[in-house]
Amino acid sequence: MIRDMIVFDYDKCTGCGVCAQGCGKQVIEMVNGKPRIEQDRLCDGLGVCVPLCRFGAISVEKVDTEPFDPQAVLEYRARKRG
């Protein structure tokens, strides 16, 4: 399925973590100082995080990936809480 998805430009990313803190779905995590999303289905592609990045390291692009899954988001957040 082709849909909007956030994409990180790791050359521009400083690892500040603002995107992870501001993610509306709380699915961006910092791993080794860089943001990542465990699975594409966790990102709604709305790009709430894009304007948070002062370095222009996040964009929204059309990507061929799995559909957004709100239930998977809830399960991910429950797993992260422990």
N, C-alpha and C. Protein backbone atom coordinates (compact mmCIF):
# COMPACT_ATOMS: atom_id res chain seq x y z
N MET A 1 0.85 -1.17 0.00
CA MET A 1 0.00 0.00 0.00
C MET A 1 0.89 1.24 0.00
N ILE A 2 0.58 2.20 -0.85
CA ILE A 2 1.30 3.47 -0.88
C ILE A 2 0.61 4.43 0.08
N ARG A 3 1.36 4.97 1.02
CA ARG A 3 0.80 5.93 1.98
C ARG A 3 1.88 6.86 2.49
N ASP A 4 1.46 7.94 3.16
CA ASP A 4 2.40 8.87 3.77
C ASP A 4 3.10 8.21 4.94
N MET A 5 4.38 8.47 5.03
CA MET A 5 5.20 7.90 6.11
C MET A 5 6.31 8.89 6.43
N ILE A 6 6.66 9.02 7.69
CA ILE A 6 7.79 9.89 8.01
C ILE A 6 9.09 9.18 7.69
N VAL A 7 10.05 9.97 7.23
CA VAL A 7 11.36 9.45 6.86
C VAL A 7 12.40 10.32 7.55
N PHE A 8 13.38 9.70 8.16
CA PHE A 8 14.45 10.40 8.85
C PHE A 8 15.66 10.55 7.95
N ASP A 9 16.25 11.73 7.93
CA ASP A 9 17.51 11.98 7.22
C ASP A 9 18.60 11.97 8.28
N TYR A 10 19.29 10.86 8.40
CA TYR A 10 20.27 10.70 9.47
C TYR A 10 21.51 11.56 9.27
N ASP A 11 21.72 12.08 8.08
CA ASP A 11 22.84 13.00 7.86
C ASP A 11 22.56 14.35 8.52
N LYS A 12 21.29 14.73 8.60
CA LYS A 12 20.91 16.00 9.21
C LYS A 12 20.57 15.87 10.69
N CYS A 13 20.23 14.67 11.12
CA CYS A 13 19.78 14.44 12.50
C CYS A 13 20.92 14.65 13.49
N THR A 14 20.64 15.40 14.55
CA THR A 14 21.63 15.64 15.61
C THR A 14 21.41 14.72 16.82
N GLY A 15 20.30 13.96 16.80
CA GLY A 15 20.02 13.07 17.92
C GLY A 15 19.46 13.77 19.14
N CYS A 16 18.85 14.94 18.94
CA CYS A 16 18.35 15.71 20.08
C CYS A 16 17.15 15.05 20.77
N GLY A 17 16.38 14.25 20.03
CA GLY A 17 15.25 13.54 20.62
C GLY A 17 13.95 14.30 20.69
N VAL A 18 13.91 15.52 20.15
CA VAL A 18 12.68 16.31 20.19
C VAL A 18 11.56 15.60 19.44
N CYS A 19 11.88 14.94 18.36
CA CYS A 19 10.85 14.23 17.59
C CYS A 19 10.23 13.12 18.42
N ALA A 20 11.05 12.40 19.17
CA ALA A 20 10.55 11.31 20.01
C ALA A 20 9.65 11.85 21.12
N GLN A 21 10.05 12.97 21.69
CA GLN A 21 9.26 13.57 22.76
C GLN A 21 7.93 14.12 22.24
N GLY A 22 7.91 14.59 20.99
CA GLY A 22 6.72 15.22 20.44
C GLY A 22 5.85 14.31 19.59
N CYS A 23 6.24 13.07 19.41
CA CYS A 23 5.46 12.16 18.58
C CYS A 23 4.08 11.94 19.19
N GLY A 24 3.05 12.27 18.43
CA GLY A 24 1.68 12.13 18.92
C GLY A 24 1.30 10.71 19.28
N LYS A 25 1.85 9.75 18.58
CA LYS A 25 1.56 8.34 18.85
C LYS A 25 2.55 7.72 19.83
N GLN A 26 3.60 8.45 20.16
CA GLN A 26 4.64 7.98 21.09
C GLN A 26 5.33 6.72 20.59
N VAL A 27 5.63 6.70 19.28
CA VAL A 27 6.25 5.51 18.70
C VAL A 27 7.65 5.75 18.16
N ILE A 28 8.13 6.99 18.22
CA ILE A 28 9.52 7.25 17.83
C ILE A 28 10.38 6.99 19.07
N GLU A 29 11.38 6.15 18.90
CA GLU A 29 12.30 5.90 20.00
C GLU A 29 13.70 6.26 19.56
N MET A 30 14.53 6.61 20.50
CA MET A 30 15.91 6.94 20.21
C MET A 30 16.76 5.70 20.44
N VAL A 31 17.50 5.30 19.40
CA VAL A 31 18.37 4.12 19.47
C VAL A 31 19.75 4.55 19.00
N ASN A 32 20.72 4.42 19.88
CA ASN A 32 22.09 4.85 19.57
C ASN A 32 22.13 6.30 19.09
N GLY A 33 21.31 7.14 19.72
CA GLY A 33 21.31 8.56 19.41
C GLY A 33 20.58 8.96 18.14
N LYS A 34 19.81 8.05 17.56
CA LYS A 34 19.07 8.36 16.34
C LYS A 34 17.62 7.89 16.49
N PRO A 35 16.68 8.63 15.89
CA PRO A 35 15.28 8.23 15.99
C PRO A 35 14.96 7.05 15.09
N ARG A 36 14.02 6.25 15.54
CA ARG A 36 13.54 5.15 14.69
C ARG A 36 12.14 4.78 15.12
N ILE A 37 11.45 4.15 14.21
CA ILE A 37 10.13 3.60 14.48
C ILE A 37 10.25 2.10 14.25
N GLU A 38 9.89 1.34 15.26
CA GLU A 38 10.08 -0.11 15.23
C GLU A 38 9.44 -0.78 14.01
N GLN A 39 8.23 -0.34 13.66
CA GLN A 39 7.51 -0.91 12.52
C GLN A 39 6.75 0.21 11.83
N ASP A 40 6.71 0.19 10.51
CA ASP A 40 6.01 1.23 9.76
C ASP A 40 4.54 1.34 10.16
N ARG A 41 3.92 0.23 10.51
CA ARG A 41 2.49 0.25 10.84
C ARG A 41 2.18 1.07 12.09
N LEU A 42 3.22 1.45 12.85
CA LEU A 42 3.03 2.25 14.06
C LEU A 42 2.92 3.74 13.75
N CYS A 43 3.35 4.17 12.58
CA CYS A 43 3.36 5.59 12.22
C CYS A 43 2.12 5.92 11.40
N ASP A 44 1.38 6.96 11.83
CA ASP A 44 0.18 7.35 11.09
C ASP A 44 0.50 8.21 9.87
N GLY A 45 1.75 8.66 9.75
CA GLY A 45 2.16 9.43 8.58
C GLY A 45 1.66 10.86 8.55
N LEU A 46 1.08 11.34 9.64
CA LEU A 46 0.56 12.70 9.65
C LEU A 46 1.66 13.75 9.73
N GLY A 47 2.82 13.36 10.23
CA GLY A 47 3.95 14.27 10.25
C GLY A 47 3.95 15.32 11.34
N VAL A 48 3.31 15.02 12.46
CA VAL A 48 3.31 15.95 13.59
C VAL A 48 4.74 16.27 14.03
N CYS A 49 5.63 15.33 13.85
CA CYS A 49 7.02 15.48 14.26
C CYS A 49 7.83 16.37 13.31
N VAL A 50 7.38 16.53 12.08
CA VAL A 50 8.17 17.26 11.07
C VAL A 50 8.51 18.68 11.52
N PRO A 51 7.54 19.50 11.93
CA PRO A 51 7.90 20.86 12.32
C PRO A 51 8.68 20.96 13.64
N LEU A 52 8.71 19.88 14.39
CA LEU A 52 9.46 19.89 15.65
C LEU A 52 10.97 19.86 15.42
N CYS A 53 11.37 19.31 14.26
CA CYS A 53 12.81 19.16 13.98
C CYS A 53 13.38 20.46 13.42
N ARG A 54 14.23 21.11 14.19
CA ARG A 54 14.86 22.37 13.76
C ARG A 54 15.92 22.16 12.69
N PHE A 55 16.27 20.92 12.43
CA PHE A 55 17.37 20.62 11.52
C PHE A 55 16.90 20.08 10.17
N GLY A 56 15.58 19.98 9.99
CA GLY A 56 15.04 19.50 8.72
C GLY A 56 15.34 18.05 8.44
N ALA A 57 15.45 17.26 9.50
CA ALA A 57 15.84 15.86 9.35
C ALA A 57 14.66 14.90 9.20
N ILE A 58 13.44 15.44 9.17
CA ILE A 58 12.26 14.58 9.04
C ILE A 58 11.40 15.11 7.90
N SER A 59 10.94 14.21 7.07
CA SER A 59 10.01 14.58 6.00
C SER A 59 8.91 13.53 5.92
N VAL A 60 7.86 13.87 5.21
CA VAL A 60 6.77 12.93 4.94
C VAL A 60 6.88 12.57 3.46
N GLU A 61 6.94 11.29 3.19
CA GLU A 61 7.06 10.82 1.81
C GLU A 61 6.07 9.70 1.55
N LYS A 62 5.72 9.52 0.31
CA LYS A 62 4.88 8.39 -0.10
C LYS A 62 5.76 7.15 -0.11
N VAL A 63 5.36 6.13 0.63
CA VAL A 63 6.15 4.92 0.78
C VAL A 63 5.23 3.71 0.57
N ASP A 64 5.75 2.68 -0.05
CA ASP A 64 5.02 1.43 -0.20
C ASP A 64 5.28 0.61 1.06
N THR A 65 4.29 0.56 1.94
CA THR A 65 4.46 -0.10 3.23
C THR A 65 3.12 -0.60 3.74
N GLU A 66 3.14 -1.22 4.89
CA GLU A 66 1.92 -1.73 5.48
C GLU A 66 1.04 -0.58 5.98
N PRO A 67 -0.26 -0.79 6.12
CA PRO A 67 -1.15 0.27 6.60
C PRO A 67 -0.91 0.59 8.07
N PHE A 68 -1.28 1.79 8.46
CA PHE A 68 -1.24 2.21 9.86
C PHE A 68 -2.18 1.32 10.66
N ASP A 69 -1.76 0.91 11.86
CA ASP A 69 -2.54 0.00 12.71
C ASP A 69 -2.66 0.58 14.11
N PRO A 70 -3.77 1.26 14.41
CA PRO A 70 -3.94 1.87 15.74
C PRO A 70 -3.84 0.87 16.89
N GLN A 71 -4.31 -0.35 16.67
CA GLN A 71 -4.22 -1.37 17.73
C GLN A 71 -2.77 -1.73 18.01
N ALA A 72 -1.96 -1.79 16.97
CA ALA A 72 -0.53 -2.08 17.15
C ALA A 72 0.14 -0.97 17.95
N VAL A 73 -0.30 0.27 17.77
CA VAL A 73 0.24 1.39 18.55
C VAL A 73 -0.05 1.19 20.03
N LEU A 74 -1.28 0.83 20.35
CA LEU A 74 -1.65 0.61 21.75
C LEU A 74 -0.83 -0.53 22.36
N GLU A 75 -0.66 -1.60 21.61
CA GLU A 75 0.12 -2.73 22.10
C GLU A 75 1.59 -2.36 22.28
N TYR A 76 2.14 -1.59 21.35
CA TYR A 76 3.53 -1.13 21.45
C TYR A 76 3.72 -0.29 22.70
N ARG A 77 2.81 0.68 22.91
CA ARG A 77 2.95 1.56 24.08
C ARG A 77 2.80 0.78 25.38
N ALA A 78 1.91 -0.19 25.43
CA ALA A 78 1.74 -1.01 26.63
C ALA A 78 3.02 -1.82 26.90
N ARG A 79 3.60 -2.34 25.83
CA ARG A 79 4.85 -3.14 25.97
C ARG A 79 5.99 -2.26 26.46
N LYS A 80 6.07 -1.03 25.97
CA LYS A 80 7.15 -0.13 26.38
C LYS A 80 7.00 0.32 27.84
N ARG A 81 5.76 0.45 28.28
CA ARG A 81 5.53 0.85 29.68
C ARG A 81 5.92 -0.26 30.64
N GLY A 82 5.96 -1.48 30.13
CA GLY A 82 6.45 -2.56 30.95
C GLY A 82 5.44 -3.44 31.52
